[in-house]
């Protein structure tokens, strides 16, 4: 479900906080949502590029390195990727929490 007023997910036009605040036009709300999504997408893509380069480095074995060293390196890279995903999820959750708090504060005024 997407809102027709702001185009954000998980609510409809009648439940839109941007619309209830009356501080934003539909175009401004849509731009804010689109900018936020684009920023998060760009960050996720950069993390994927960084992870891919780490994996590529990890799969290039030098002569004399043991298979166990290679497994340890790939495991380390996988853990780094998971930490980055977790960190980005926390950043997004924090952003949503702050945004919702601001919206509630503005609506209550």
C-alpha atoms as a PDB file:
ATOM      1  CA  UNK A   1       0.000   0.000   0.000  1.00  0.00           C
ATOM      2  CA  UNK A   2       1.357   3.422  -0.967  1.00  0.00           C
ATOM      3  CA  UNK A   3       0.012   6.861  -0.133  1.00  0.00           C
ATOM      4  CA  UNK A   4      -1.242   8.927  -3.043  1.00  0.00           C
ATOM      5  CA  UNK A   5      -0.351  12.151  -1.195  1.00  0.00           C
ATOM      6  CA  UNK A   6       3.328  11.516  -0.361  1.00  0.00           C
ATOM      7  CA  UNK A   7       3.996   8.211  -2.216  1.00  0.00           C
ATOM      8  CA  UNK A   8       5.466   6.603   0.921  1.00  0.00           C
ATOM      9  CA  UNK A   9       4.645   3.002   1.765  1.00  0.00           C
ATOM     10  CA  UNK A  10       2.571   1.394   4.517  1.00  0.00           C
ATOM     11  CA  UNK A  11      -0.208   3.953   4.739  1.00  0.00           C
ATOM     12  CA  UNK A  12      -2.883   5.474   2.532  1.00  0.00           C
ATOM     13  CA  UNK A  13      -4.016   9.010   1.778  1.00  0.00           C
ATOM     14  CA  UNK A  14      -6.290   9.225   4.842  1.00  0.00           C
ATOM     15  CA  UNK A  15      -3.496   8.090   7.203  1.00  0.00           C
ATOM     16  CA  UNK A  16      -0.793  10.349   5.758  1.00  0.00           C
ATOM     17  CA  UNK A  17       0.978  12.401   8.432  1.00  0.00           C
ATOM     18  CA  UNK A  18       2.295  14.842   5.842  1.00  0.00           C
ATOM     19  CA  UNK A  19      -1.253  15.557   4.726  1.00  0.00           C
ATOM     20  CA  UNK A  20      -2.509  15.908   8.307  1.00  0.00           C
ATOM     21  CA  UNK A  21       0.245  18.404   9.129  1.00  0.00           C
ATOM     22  CA  UNK A  22      -0.811  20.700   6.285  1.00  0.00           C
ATOM     23  CA  UNK A  23       2.788  21.956   6.203  1.00  0.00           C
ATOM     24  CA  UNK A  24       3.643  20.199   2.958  1.00  0.00           C
ATOM     25  CA  UNK A  25       2.054  20.142  -0.429  1.00  0.00           C
ATOM     26  CA  UNK A  26       1.723  16.776  -2.075  1.00  0.00           C
ATOM     27  CA  UNK A  27       4.645  17.616  -4.364  1.00  0.00           C
ATOM     28  CA  UNK A  28       6.880  18.625  -1.433  1.00  0.00           C
ATOM     29  CA  UNK A  29       6.014  15.472   0.490  1.00  0.00           C
ATOM     30  CA  UNK A  30       6.683  13.300  -2.556  1.00  0.00           C
ATOM     31  CA  UNK A  31      10.015  15.062  -3.120  1.00  0.00           C
ATOM     32  CA  UNK A  32      11.038  14.513   0.510  1.00  0.00           C
ATOM     33  CA  UNK A  33      10.131  10.824   0.331  1.00  0.00           C
ATOM     34  CA  UNK A  34      11.870  10.397  -3.039  1.00  0.00           C
ATOM     35  CA  UNK A  35      15.021  12.165  -1.818  1.00  0.00           C
ATOM     36  CA  UNK A  36      15.151   9.986   1.285  1.00  0.00           C
ATOM     37  CA  UNK A  37      14.677   6.823  -0.765  1.00  0.00           C
ATOM     38  CA  UNK A  38      17.327   7.915  -3.291  1.00  0.00           C
ATOM     39  CA  UNK A  39      19.836   8.674  -0.538  1.00  0.00           C
ATOM     40  CA  UNK A  40      19.276   5.314   1.138  1.00  0.00           C
ATOM     41  CA  UNK A  41      19.464   3.529  -2.231  1.00  0.00           C
ATOM     42  CA  UNK A  42      22.739   5.284  -3.095  1.00  0.00           C
ATOM     43  CA  UNK A  43      24.203   4.324   0.284  1.00  0.00           C
ATOM     44  CA  UNK A  44      23.111   0.714  -0.175  1.00  0.00           C
ATOM     45  CA  UNK A  45      24.600   0.596  -3.683  1.00  0.00           C
ATOM     46  CA  UNK A  46      27.895   2.013  -2.415  1.00  0.00           C
ATOM     47  CA  UNK A  47      27.976  -0.593   0.350  1.00  0.00           C
ATOM     48  CA  UNK A  48      27.328  -3.306  -2.240  1.00  0.00           C
ATOM     49  CA  UNK A  49      30.182  -1.990  -4.403  1.00  0.00           C
ATOM     50  CA  UNK A  50      32.487  -1.922  -1.374  1.00  0.00           C
ATOM     51  CA  UNK A  51      31.438  -5.438  -0.408  1.00  0.00           C
ATOM     52  CA  UNK A  52      31.951  -6.721  -3.950  1.00  0.00           C
ATOM     53  CA  UNK A  53      35.456  -5.288  -4.063  1.00  0.00           C
ATOM     54  CA  UNK A  54      36.262  -6.871  -0.698  1.00  0.00           C
ATOM     55  CA  UNK A  55      34.961 -10.221  -1.922  1.00  0.00           C
ATOM     56  CA  UNK A  56      36.984  -9.872  -5.133  1.00  0.00           C
ATOM     57  CA  UNK A  57      40.118  -9.159  -3.103  1.00  0.00           C
ATOM     58  CA  UNK A  58      39.320 -12.074  -0.812  1.00  0.00           C
ATOM     59  CA  UNK A  59      38.924 -14.546  -3.667  1.00  0.00           C
ATOM     60  CA  UNK A  60      42.301 -13.702  -5.196  1.00  0.00           C
ATOM     61  CA  UNK A  61      44.581 -16.069  -3.357  1.00  0.00           C
ATOM     62  CA  UNK A  62      48.275 -15.418  -3.211  1.00  0.00           C
ATOM     63  CA  UNK A  63      50.693 -18.276  -3.720  1.00  0.00           C
ATOM     64  CA  UNK A  64      51.437 -20.104  -0.526  1.00  0.00           C
ATOM     65  CA  UNK A  65      48.294 -19.014   1.301  1.00  0.00           C
ATOM     66  CA  UNK A  66      46.366 -21.854   2.839  1.00  0.00           C
ATOM     67  CA  UNK A  67      42.745 -22.685   2.155  1.00  0.00           C
ATOM     68  CA  UNK A  68      41.979 -21.946   5.797  1.00  0.00           C
ATOM     69  CA  UNK A  69      43.323 -18.395   5.400  1.00  0.00           C
ATOM     70  CA  UNK A  70      41.076 -17.926   2.400  1.00  0.00           C
ATOM     71  CA  UNK A  71      38.019 -19.172   4.318  1.00  0.00           C
ATOM     72  CA  UNK A  72      38.828 -16.830   7.204  1.00  0.00           C
ATOM     73  CA  UNK A  73      39.150 -13.885   4.837  1.00  0.00           C
ATOM     74  CA  UNK A  74      35.845 -14.612   3.088  1.00  0.00           C
ATOM     75  CA  UNK A  75      34.143 -15.064   6.479  1.00  0.00           C
ATOM     76  CA  UNK A  76      35.531 -11.705   7.579  1.00  0.00           C
ATOM     77  CA  UNK A  77      34.187 -10.045   4.407  1.00  0.00           C
ATOM     78  CA  UNK A  78      30.765 -11.638   4.904  1.00  0.00           C
ATOM     79  CA  UNK A  79      30.662 -10.341   8.471  1.00  0.00           C
ATOM     80  CA  UNK A  80      31.592  -6.854   7.255  1.00  0.00           C
ATOM     81  CA  UNK A  81      28.735  -6.949   4.739  1.00  0.00           C
ATOM     82  CA  UNK A  82      26.257  -8.019   7.428  1.00  0.00           C
ATOM     83  CA  UNK A  83      27.473  -5.260   9.756  1.00  0.00           C
ATOM     84  CA  UNK A  84      27.014  -2.675   6.988  1.00  0.00           C
ATOM     85  CA  UNK A  85      23.493  -3.916   6.258  1.00  0.00           C
ATOM     86  CA  UNK A  86      22.658  -3.829   9.969  1.00  0.00           C
ATOM     87  CA  UNK A  87      24.126  -0.324  10.331  1.00  0.00           C
ATOM     88  CA  UNK A  88      22.116   0.968   7.350  1.00  0.00           C
ATOM     89  CA  UNK A  89      18.950  -0.610   8.739  1.00  0.00           C
ATOM     90  CA  UNK A  90      19.583   1.127  12.069  1.00  0.00           C
ATOM     91  CA  UNK A  91      20.188   4.454  10.307  1.00  0.00           C
ATOM     92  CA  UNK A  92      16.921   4.085   8.388  1.00  0.00           C
ATOM     93  CA  UNK A  93      14.999   3.066  11.522  1.00  0.00           C
ATOM     94  CA  UNK A  94      16.455   6.063  13.378  1.00  0.00           C
ATOM     95  CA  UNK A  95      15.502   8.357  10.505  1.00  0.00           C
ATOM     96  CA  UNK A  96      11.932   7.009  10.496  1.00  0.00           C
ATOM     97  CA  UNK A  97      11.719   7.355  14.267  1.00  0.00           C
ATOM     98  CA  UNK A  98      12.936  10.968  14.156  1.00  0.00           C
ATOM     99  CA  UNK A  99      10.659  11.782  11.239  1.00  0.00           C
ATOM    100  CA  UNK A 100       7.644  10.285  13.019  1.00  0.00           C
ATOM    101  CA  UNK A 101       8.481  12.166  16.235  1.00  0.00           C
ATOM    102  CA  UNK A 102       8.762  15.438  14.324  1.00  0.00           C
ATOM    103  CA  UNK A 103       5.520  14.788  12.514  1.00  0.00           C
ATOM    104  CA  UNK A 104       3.691  13.967  15.741  1.00  0.00           C
ATOM    105  CA  UNK A 105       5.066  17.104  17.365  1.00  0.00           C
ATOM    106  CA  UNK A 106       3.954  19.266  14.437  1.00  0.00           C
ATOM    107  CA  UNK A 107       0.507  17.661  14.262  1.00  0.00           C
ATOM    108  CA  UNK A 108      -0.081  18.183  17.989  1.00  0.00           C
ATOM    109  CA  UNK A 109       0.630  21.928  17.750  1.00  0.00           C
END
